[in-house]
Amino acid sequence: NTVLLNISIETTPQEIWKVLADEKHFNACFETMKMNCNDWKIGGNITFETPAKNNIEHAIINYFNENERLSYGYKKEEQTNQIEVTFSLKPAGDFTYLTIEGKNFRDEYERSHSEIKWINMMQDIKKYVQKK
C-alpha cells in the first residue's frame, strides 16, 4: 500500500528544494494551489490551500534535511488517517533524481489518486526548474 515514484531532472537539488520548501517558488510552480509553512523544521505546520475547490489540507514535518529530504504527515480534509509523504533528492552529474514515496493510504482509491497527483507534480516541478 505504498507509492514510489522517481524522475530525473536536469538541475541541481537546490533548485528542486526551492519548490518543495519555499512558498514563493511552490506557489509559482503550482498555480492552482498555495502552500504556507509556519516553520521549516521538524514539527512545522504546512497548509495547502486550493482556492478553486475551497479546500485546505494540513501536514506536519517529520524530517527536514535541506536539499536532501523532506518528509511530512499529510492529512486530507475530513480524513482521519495521515499519509506519510517523503521527497528525496539525489544529485547525479547535471541531473537530480527526485523520489516521492507515499505510505499509509486509507484505501486503493486514495493510493491511486495520490500517485496520479504526484506524477503530475513531478512533471510540473521539472517544467518549472528547467525553464529558469
N, C-alpha and C. Protein backbone atom coordinates (compact mmCIF):
# COMPACT_ATOMS: atom_id res chain seq x y z
N ASN A 1 0.83 -1.20 0.00
CA ASN A 1 0.00 0.00 0.00
C ASN A 1 0.87 1.26 0.00
N THR A 2 1.85 1.28 -0.88
CA THR A 2 2.75 2.43 -0.99
C THR A 2 2.83 2.89 -2.43
N VAL A 3 3.36 4.10 -2.58
CA VAL A 3 3.66 4.65 -3.90
C VAL A 3 5.13 5.03 -3.87
N LEU A 4 5.86 4.67 -4.93
CA LEU A 4 7.26 5.05 -5.05
C LEU A 4 7.49 5.53 -6.48
N LEU A 5 7.79 6.83 -6.64
CA LEU A 5 7.97 7.44 -7.95
C LEU A 5 9.35 8.10 -8.04
N ASN A 6 9.94 8.05 -9.23
CA ASN A 6 11.25 8.67 -9.47
C ASN A 6 11.22 9.43 -10.78
N ILE A 7 11.97 10.52 -10.82
CA ILE A 7 12.16 11.28 -12.06
C ILE A 7 13.54 11.91 -12.02
N SER A 8 14.19 11.98 -13.17
CA SER A 8 15.46 12.71 -13.24
C SER A 8 15.18 14.07 -13.88
N ILE A 9 15.76 15.09 -13.27
CA ILE A 9 15.55 16.46 -13.73
C ILE A 9 16.90 17.12 -13.91
N GLU A 10 17.06 17.78 -15.03
CA GLU A 10 18.34 18.43 -15.34
C GLU A 10 18.42 19.75 -14.57
N THR A 11 18.85 19.65 -13.33
CA THR A 11 19.00 20.81 -12.45
C THR A 11 19.71 20.36 -11.18
N THR A 12 19.92 21.29 -10.28
CA THR A 12 20.56 20.98 -9.00
C THR A 12 19.52 20.61 -7.94
N PRO A 13 19.92 19.92 -6.89
CA PRO A 13 18.98 19.66 -5.80
C PRO A 13 18.45 20.95 -5.18
N GLN A 14 19.27 21.99 -5.15
CA GLN A 14 18.87 23.27 -4.56
C GLN A 14 17.67 23.88 -5.29
N GLU A 15 17.63 23.76 -6.61
CA GLU A 15 16.52 24.33 -7.39
C GLU A 15 15.22 23.58 -7.12
N ILE A 16 15.29 22.25 -7.01
CA ILE A 16 14.08 21.47 -6.71
C ILE A 16 13.65 21.75 -5.27
N TRP A 17 14.62 21.84 -4.37
CA TRP A 17 14.32 22.10 -2.97
C TRP A 17 13.53 23.40 -2.79
N LYS A 18 13.87 24.41 -3.60
CA LYS A 18 13.15 25.69 -3.52
C LYS A 18 11.66 25.48 -3.76
N VAL A 19 11.31 24.61 -4.69
CA VAL A 19 9.90 24.36 -4.97
C VAL A 19 9.25 23.60 -3.81
N LEU A 20 9.99 22.67 -3.22
CA LEU A 20 9.43 21.85 -2.14
C LEU A 20 9.29 22.60 -0.82
N ALA A 21 10.21 23.53 -0.55
CA ALA A 21 10.29 24.12 0.80
C ALA A 21 10.42 25.64 0.80
N ASP A 22 9.84 26.29 -0.19
CA ASP A 22 9.83 27.75 -0.24
C ASP A 22 8.50 28.17 -0.85
N GLU A 23 7.70 28.86 -0.06
CA GLU A 23 6.35 29.22 -0.50
C GLU A 23 6.34 29.96 -1.83
N LYS A 24 7.25 30.89 -2.01
CA LYS A 24 7.28 31.69 -3.24
C LYS A 24 7.43 30.80 -4.47
N HIS A 25 8.38 29.88 -4.44
CA HIS A 25 8.61 29.01 -5.61
C HIS A 25 7.52 27.96 -5.75
N PHE A 26 7.06 27.39 -4.64
CA PHE A 26 5.97 26.42 -4.69
C PHE A 26 4.74 27.05 -5.34
N ASN A 27 4.37 28.22 -4.86
CA ASN A 27 3.16 28.89 -5.35
C ASN A 27 3.29 29.33 -6.80
N ALA A 28 4.51 29.63 -7.25
CA ALA A 28 4.72 29.97 -8.67
C ALA A 28 4.66 28.71 -9.54
N CYS A 29 5.14 27.60 -9.01
CA CYS A 29 5.16 26.34 -9.76
C CYS A 29 3.76 25.75 -9.89
N PHE A 30 3.00 25.79 -8.80
CA PHE A 30 1.65 25.21 -8.77
C PHE A 30 0.63 26.32 -8.64
N GLU A 31 0.14 26.80 -9.76
CA GLU A 31 -0.72 27.98 -9.79
C GLU A 31 -2.09 27.76 -9.15
N THR A 32 -2.57 26.51 -9.09
CA THR A 32 -3.91 26.26 -8.55
C THR A 32 -3.89 25.93 -7.06
N MET A 33 -2.70 25.82 -6.48
CA MET A 33 -2.57 25.51 -5.06
C MET A 33 -1.58 26.44 -4.40
N LYS A 34 -1.88 26.83 -3.19
CA LYS A 34 -0.98 27.70 -2.43
C LYS A 34 -0.52 26.96 -1.18
N MET A 35 0.74 27.14 -0.83
CA MET A 35 1.31 26.49 0.33
C MET A 35 1.86 27.54 1.28
N ASN A 36 1.75 27.25 2.58
CA ASN A 36 2.31 28.11 3.60
C ASN A 36 2.83 27.22 4.73
N CYS A 37 3.98 27.59 5.29
CA CYS A 37 4.55 26.83 6.40
C CYS A 37 4.93 27.81 7.51
N ASN A 38 4.59 27.46 8.74
CA ASN A 38 4.90 28.36 9.85
C ASN A 38 6.38 28.27 10.25
N ASP A 39 7.04 27.14 10.00
CA ASP A 39 8.44 26.98 10.38
C ASP A 39 9.02 25.76 9.68
N TRP A 40 10.03 25.95 8.83
CA TRP A 40 10.62 24.86 8.07
C TRP A 40 11.60 24.08 8.94
N LYS A 41 11.04 23.27 9.83
CA LYS A 41 11.83 22.36 10.66
C LYS A 41 10.89 21.26 11.15
N ILE A 42 11.44 20.24 11.80
CA ILE A 42 10.62 19.15 12.32
C ILE A 42 9.56 19.72 13.26
N GLY A 43 8.32 19.32 13.04
CA GLY A 43 7.20 19.83 13.82
C GLY A 43 6.51 21.02 13.19
N GLY A 44 7.10 21.58 12.13
CA GLY A 44 6.48 22.71 11.43
C GLY A 44 5.17 22.31 10.78
N ASN A 45 4.24 23.26 10.72
CA ASN A 45 2.92 23.02 10.11
C ASN A 45 2.87 23.60 8.71
N ILE A 46 2.48 22.76 7.75
CA ILE A 46 2.31 23.18 6.37
C ILE A 46 0.82 23.17 6.05
N THR A 47 0.36 24.22 5.38
CA THR A 47 -1.02 24.31 4.93
C THR A 47 -1.03 24.37 3.41
N PHE A 48 -1.86 23.54 2.79
CA PHE A 48 -2.05 23.54 1.34
C PHE A 48 -3.48 23.99 1.08
N GLU A 49 -3.62 25.05 0.29
CA GLU A 49 -4.94 25.59 0.00
C GLU A 49 -5.20 25.55 -1.49
N THR A 50 -6.36 25.02 -1.86
CA THR A 50 -6.81 25.01 -3.25
C THR A 50 -8.04 25.91 -3.32
N PRO A 51 -7.84 27.21 -3.62
CA PRO A 51 -8.96 28.16 -3.58
C PRO A 51 -10.13 27.79 -4.49
N ALA A 52 -9.85 27.26 -5.67
CA ALA A 52 -10.93 26.94 -6.61
C ALA A 52 -11.87 25.86 -6.05
N LYS A 53 -11.32 24.98 -5.22
CA LYS A 53 -12.13 23.91 -4.62
C LYS A 53 -12.52 24.23 -3.18
N ASN A 54 -12.14 25.42 -2.71
CA ASN A 54 -12.41 25.82 -1.32
C ASN A 54 -11.94 24.72 -0.36
N ASN A 55 -10.69 24.29 -0.56
CA ASN A 55 -10.15 23.14 0.15
C ASN A 55 -8.85 23.53 0.87
N ILE A 56 -8.73 23.15 2.14
CA ILE A 56 -7.50 23.37 2.89
C ILE A 56 -7.08 22.05 3.52
N GLU A 57 -5.81 21.68 3.34
CA GLU A 57 -5.28 20.45 3.91
C GLU A 57 -4.01 20.77 4.69
N HIS A 58 -3.68 19.92 5.64
CA HIS A 58 -2.58 20.20 6.56
C HIS A 58 -1.56 19.07 6.58
N ALA A 59 -0.33 19.45 6.94
CA ALA A 59 0.75 18.47 7.10
C ALA A 59 1.66 18.93 8.24
N ILE A 60 2.33 17.98 8.86
CA ILE A 60 3.31 18.27 9.90
C ILE A 60 4.64 17.65 9.48
N ILE A 61 5.70 18.46 9.51
CA ILE A 61 7.02 18.00 9.07
C ILE A 61 7.59 16.98 10.06
N ASN A 62 7.97 15.82 9.53
CA ASN A 62 8.58 14.75 10.33
C ASN A 62 10.09 14.69 10.16
N TYR A 63 10.57 15.12 8.99
CA TYR A 63 12.01 15.06 8.70
C TYR A 63 12.34 16.21 7.76
N PHE A 64 13.44 16.89 8.04
CA PHE A 64 13.84 18.03 7.23
C PHE A 64 15.37 18.07 7.15
N ASN A 65 15.91 17.76 5.99
CA ASN A 65 17.35 17.84 5.74
C ASN A 65 17.51 18.61 4.44
N GLU A 66 17.83 19.89 4.54
CA GLU A 66 17.84 20.81 3.41
C GLU A 66 18.57 20.25 2.20
N ASN A 67 17.93 20.38 1.04
CA ASN A 67 18.44 19.95 -0.27
C ASN A 67 18.60 18.44 -0.40
N GLU A 68 18.09 17.67 0.58
CA GLU A 68 18.20 16.21 0.51
C GLU A 68 16.88 15.49 0.73
N ARG A 69 16.19 15.81 1.85
CA ARG A 69 14.99 15.04 2.15
C ARG A 69 14.00 15.85 3.00
N LEU A 70 12.74 15.76 2.60
CA LEU A 70 11.64 16.38 3.32
C LEU A 70 10.55 15.33 3.47
N SER A 71 10.08 15.15 4.70
CA SER A 71 9.02 14.17 4.95
C SER A 71 7.98 14.81 5.84
N TYR A 72 6.71 14.53 5.54
CA TYR A 72 5.66 15.05 6.39
C TYR A 72 4.46 14.11 6.41
N GLY A 73 3.70 14.22 7.50
CA GLY A 73 2.43 13.52 7.61
C GLY A 73 1.35 14.43 7.08
N TYR A 74 0.63 13.95 6.09
CA TYR A 74 -0.33 14.76 5.34
C TYR A 74 -1.73 14.23 5.60
N LYS A 75 -2.61 15.11 6.00
CA LYS A 75 -3.99 14.69 6.27
C LYS A 75 -4.92 15.41 5.32
N LYS A 76 -5.63 14.60 4.52
CA LYS A 76 -6.62 15.20 3.61
C LYS A 76 -7.82 15.67 4.42
N GLU A 77 -8.51 16.64 3.87
CA GLU A 77 -9.67 17.22 4.55
C GLU A 77 -10.68 16.14 4.90
N GLU A 78 -11.17 16.18 6.14
CA GLU A 78 -12.18 15.25 6.64
C GLU A 78 -11.72 13.79 6.66
N GLN A 79 -10.42 13.56 6.75
CA GLN A 79 -9.89 12.20 6.84
C GLN A 79 -9.24 12.01 8.20
N THR A 80 -9.22 10.79 8.67
CA THR A 80 -8.58 10.52 9.96
C THR A 80 -7.17 9.97 9.79
N ASN A 81 -6.91 9.27 8.69
CA ASN A 81 -5.56 8.72 8.50
C ASN A 81 -4.60 9.79 7.98
N GLN A 82 -3.34 9.60 8.29
CA GLN A 82 -2.30 10.54 7.87
C GLN A 82 -1.39 9.83 6.88
N ILE A 83 -1.31 10.36 5.67
CA ILE A 83 -0.43 9.80 4.64
C ILE A 83 0.98 10.31 4.91
N GLU A 84 1.94 9.40 4.91
CA GLU A 84 3.34 9.77 5.06
C GLU A 84 3.93 10.02 3.68
N VAL A 85 4.44 11.23 3.44
CA VAL A 85 5.00 11.61 2.14
C VAL A 85 6.46 12.00 2.34
N THR A 86 7.34 11.43 1.52
CA THR A 86 8.77 11.75 1.60
C THR A 86 9.28 12.14 0.22
N PHE A 87 9.95 13.28 0.16
CA PHE A 87 10.61 13.76 -1.05
C PHE A 87 12.10 13.62 -0.82
N SER A 88 12.79 12.91 -1.71
CA SER A 88 14.24 12.73 -1.60
C SER A 88 14.91 13.24 -2.86
N LEU A 89 16.07 13.88 -2.68
CA LEU A 89 16.84 14.43 -3.80
C LEU A 89 18.23 13.82 -3.80
N LYS A 90 18.66 13.36 -4.98
CA LYS A 90 19.99 12.77 -5.10
C LYS A 90 20.65 13.30 -6.37
N PRO A 91 21.75 14.07 -6.23
CA PRO A 91 22.42 14.60 -7.41
C PRO A 91 23.19 13.51 -8.16
N ALA A 92 23.23 13.66 -9.49
CA ALA A 92 23.99 12.74 -10.35
C ALA A 92 24.45 13.53 -11.57
N GLY A 93 25.65 14.09 -11.48
CA GLY A 93 26.16 14.91 -12.59
C GLY A 93 25.32 16.15 -12.77
N ASP A 94 24.81 16.36 -13.99
CA ASP A 94 23.99 17.53 -14.29
C ASP A 94 22.52 17.34 -13.91
N PHE A 95 22.19 16.16 -13.38
CA PHE A 95 20.81 15.82 -13.07
C PHE A 95 20.63 15.64 -11.57
N THR A 96 19.37 15.70 -11.16
CA THR A 96 18.99 15.36 -9.80
C THR A 96 17.83 14.39 -9.89
N TYR A 97 17.93 13.31 -9.12
CA TYR A 97 16.82 12.36 -9.04
C TYR A 97 15.90 12.79 -7.91
N LEU A 98 14.63 13.01 -8.25
CA LEU A 98 13.60 13.32 -7.28
C LEU A 98 12.77 12.06 -7.08
N THR A 99 12.67 11.62 -5.83
CA THR A 99 11.87 10.46 -5.48
C THR A 99 10.75 10.92 -4.54
N ILE A 100 9.56 10.46 -4.82
CA ILE A 100 8.42 10.70 -3.93
C ILE A 100 7.93 9.33 -3.46
N GLU A 101 7.86 9.19 -2.15
CA GLU A 101 7.34 7.95 -1.57
C GLU A 101 6.16 8.29 -0.67
N GLY A 102 5.08 7.56 -0.83
CA GLY A 102 3.89 7.75 -0.01
C GLY A 102 3.48 6.44 0.64
N LYS A 103 3.05 6.53 1.90
CA LYS A 103 2.62 5.35 2.67
C LYS A 103 1.38 5.68 3.48
N ASN A 104 0.73 4.63 3.97
CA ASN A 104 -0.39 4.72 4.90
C ASN A 104 -1.66 5.29 4.26
N PHE A 105 -1.98 4.80 3.08
CA PHE A 105 -3.20 5.22 2.41
C PHE A 105 -4.40 4.51 3.02
N ARG A 106 -5.52 5.19 3.03
CA ARG A 106 -6.75 4.62 3.59
C ARG A 106 -7.25 3.44 2.76
N ASP A 107 -7.13 3.58 1.42
CA ASP A 107 -7.61 2.52 0.54
C ASP A 107 -6.94 2.65 -0.83
N GLU A 108 -7.28 1.76 -1.74
CA GLU A 108 -6.67 1.75 -3.07
C GLU A 108 -7.02 3.02 -3.86
N TYR A 109 -8.21 3.53 -3.70
CA TYR A 109 -8.58 4.76 -4.40
C TYR A 109 -7.67 5.91 -3.97
N GLU A 110 -7.46 6.07 -2.66
CA GLU A 110 -6.61 7.14 -2.17
C GLU A 110 -5.16 6.98 -2.65
N ARG A 111 -4.69 5.73 -2.67
CA ARG A 111 -3.33 5.46 -3.15
C ARG A 111 -3.21 5.83 -4.63
N SER A 112 -4.15 5.39 -5.43
CA SER A 112 -4.12 5.65 -6.87
C SER A 112 -4.27 7.14 -7.17
N HIS A 113 -5.17 7.81 -6.47
CA HIS A 113 -5.39 9.25 -6.65
C HIS A 113 -4.12 10.03 -6.31
N SER A 114 -3.48 9.66 -5.21
CA SER A 114 -2.24 10.34 -4.80
C SER A 114 -1.13 10.10 -5.82
N GLU A 115 -1.02 8.89 -6.31
CA GLU A 115 0.01 8.56 -7.30
C GLU A 115 -0.13 9.44 -8.54
N ILE A 116 -1.34 9.58 -9.05
CA ILE A 116 -1.58 10.42 -10.23
C ILE A 116 -1.22 11.88 -9.94
N LYS A 117 -1.64 12.39 -8.77
CA LYS A 117 -1.32 13.77 -8.41
C LYS A 117 0.19 13.98 -8.33
N TRP A 118 0.92 13.02 -7.75
CA TRP A 118 2.37 13.17 -7.60
C TRP A 118 3.11 13.04 -8.92
N ILE A 119 2.61 12.22 -9.82
CA ILE A 119 3.22 12.14 -11.17
C ILE A 119 3.10 13.51 -11.84
N ASN A 120 1.91 14.11 -11.76
CA ASN A 120 1.71 15.45 -12.33
C ASN A 120 2.57 16.48 -11.62
N MET A 121 2.70 16.36 -10.31
CA MET A 121 3.53 17.28 -9.53
C MET A 121 4.99 17.22 -10.00
N MET A 122 5.50 16.00 -10.20
CA MET A 122 6.88 15.84 -10.66
C MET A 122 7.09 16.50 -12.02
N GLN A 123 6.13 16.32 -12.91
CA GLN A 123 6.22 16.93 -14.24
C GLN A 123 6.19 18.46 -14.14
N ASP A 124 5.34 18.99 -13.26
CA ASP A 124 5.27 20.44 -13.07
C ASP A 124 6.58 20.99 -12.49
N ILE A 125 7.17 20.28 -11.54
CA ILE A 125 8.45 20.70 -10.97
C ILE A 125 9.52 20.70 -12.05
N LYS A 126 9.55 19.65 -12.86
CA LYS A 126 10.53 19.55 -13.94
C LYS A 126 10.41 20.73 -14.91
N LYS A 127 9.19 21.04 -15.33
CA LYS A 127 8.98 22.17 -16.24
C LYS A 127 9.41 23.49 -15.59
N TYR A 128 9.05 23.66 -14.33
CA TYR A 128 9.33 24.91 -13.63
C TYR A 128 10.84 25.14 -13.48
N VAL A 129 11.57 24.14 -13.00
CA VAL A 129 13.00 24.37 -12.73
C VAL A 129 13.83 24.39 -14.01
N GLN A 130 13.38 23.71 -15.06
CA GLN A 130 14.18 23.68 -16.28
C GLN A 130 13.94 24.89 -17.16
N LYS A 131 12.88 25.66 -16.92
CA LYS A 131 12.64 26.86 -17.74
C LYS A 131 13.42 28.06 -17.22
N LYS A 132 14.00 27.92 -16.02
CA LYS A 132 14.74 29.03 -15.41
C LYS A 132 16.02 29.32 -16.15
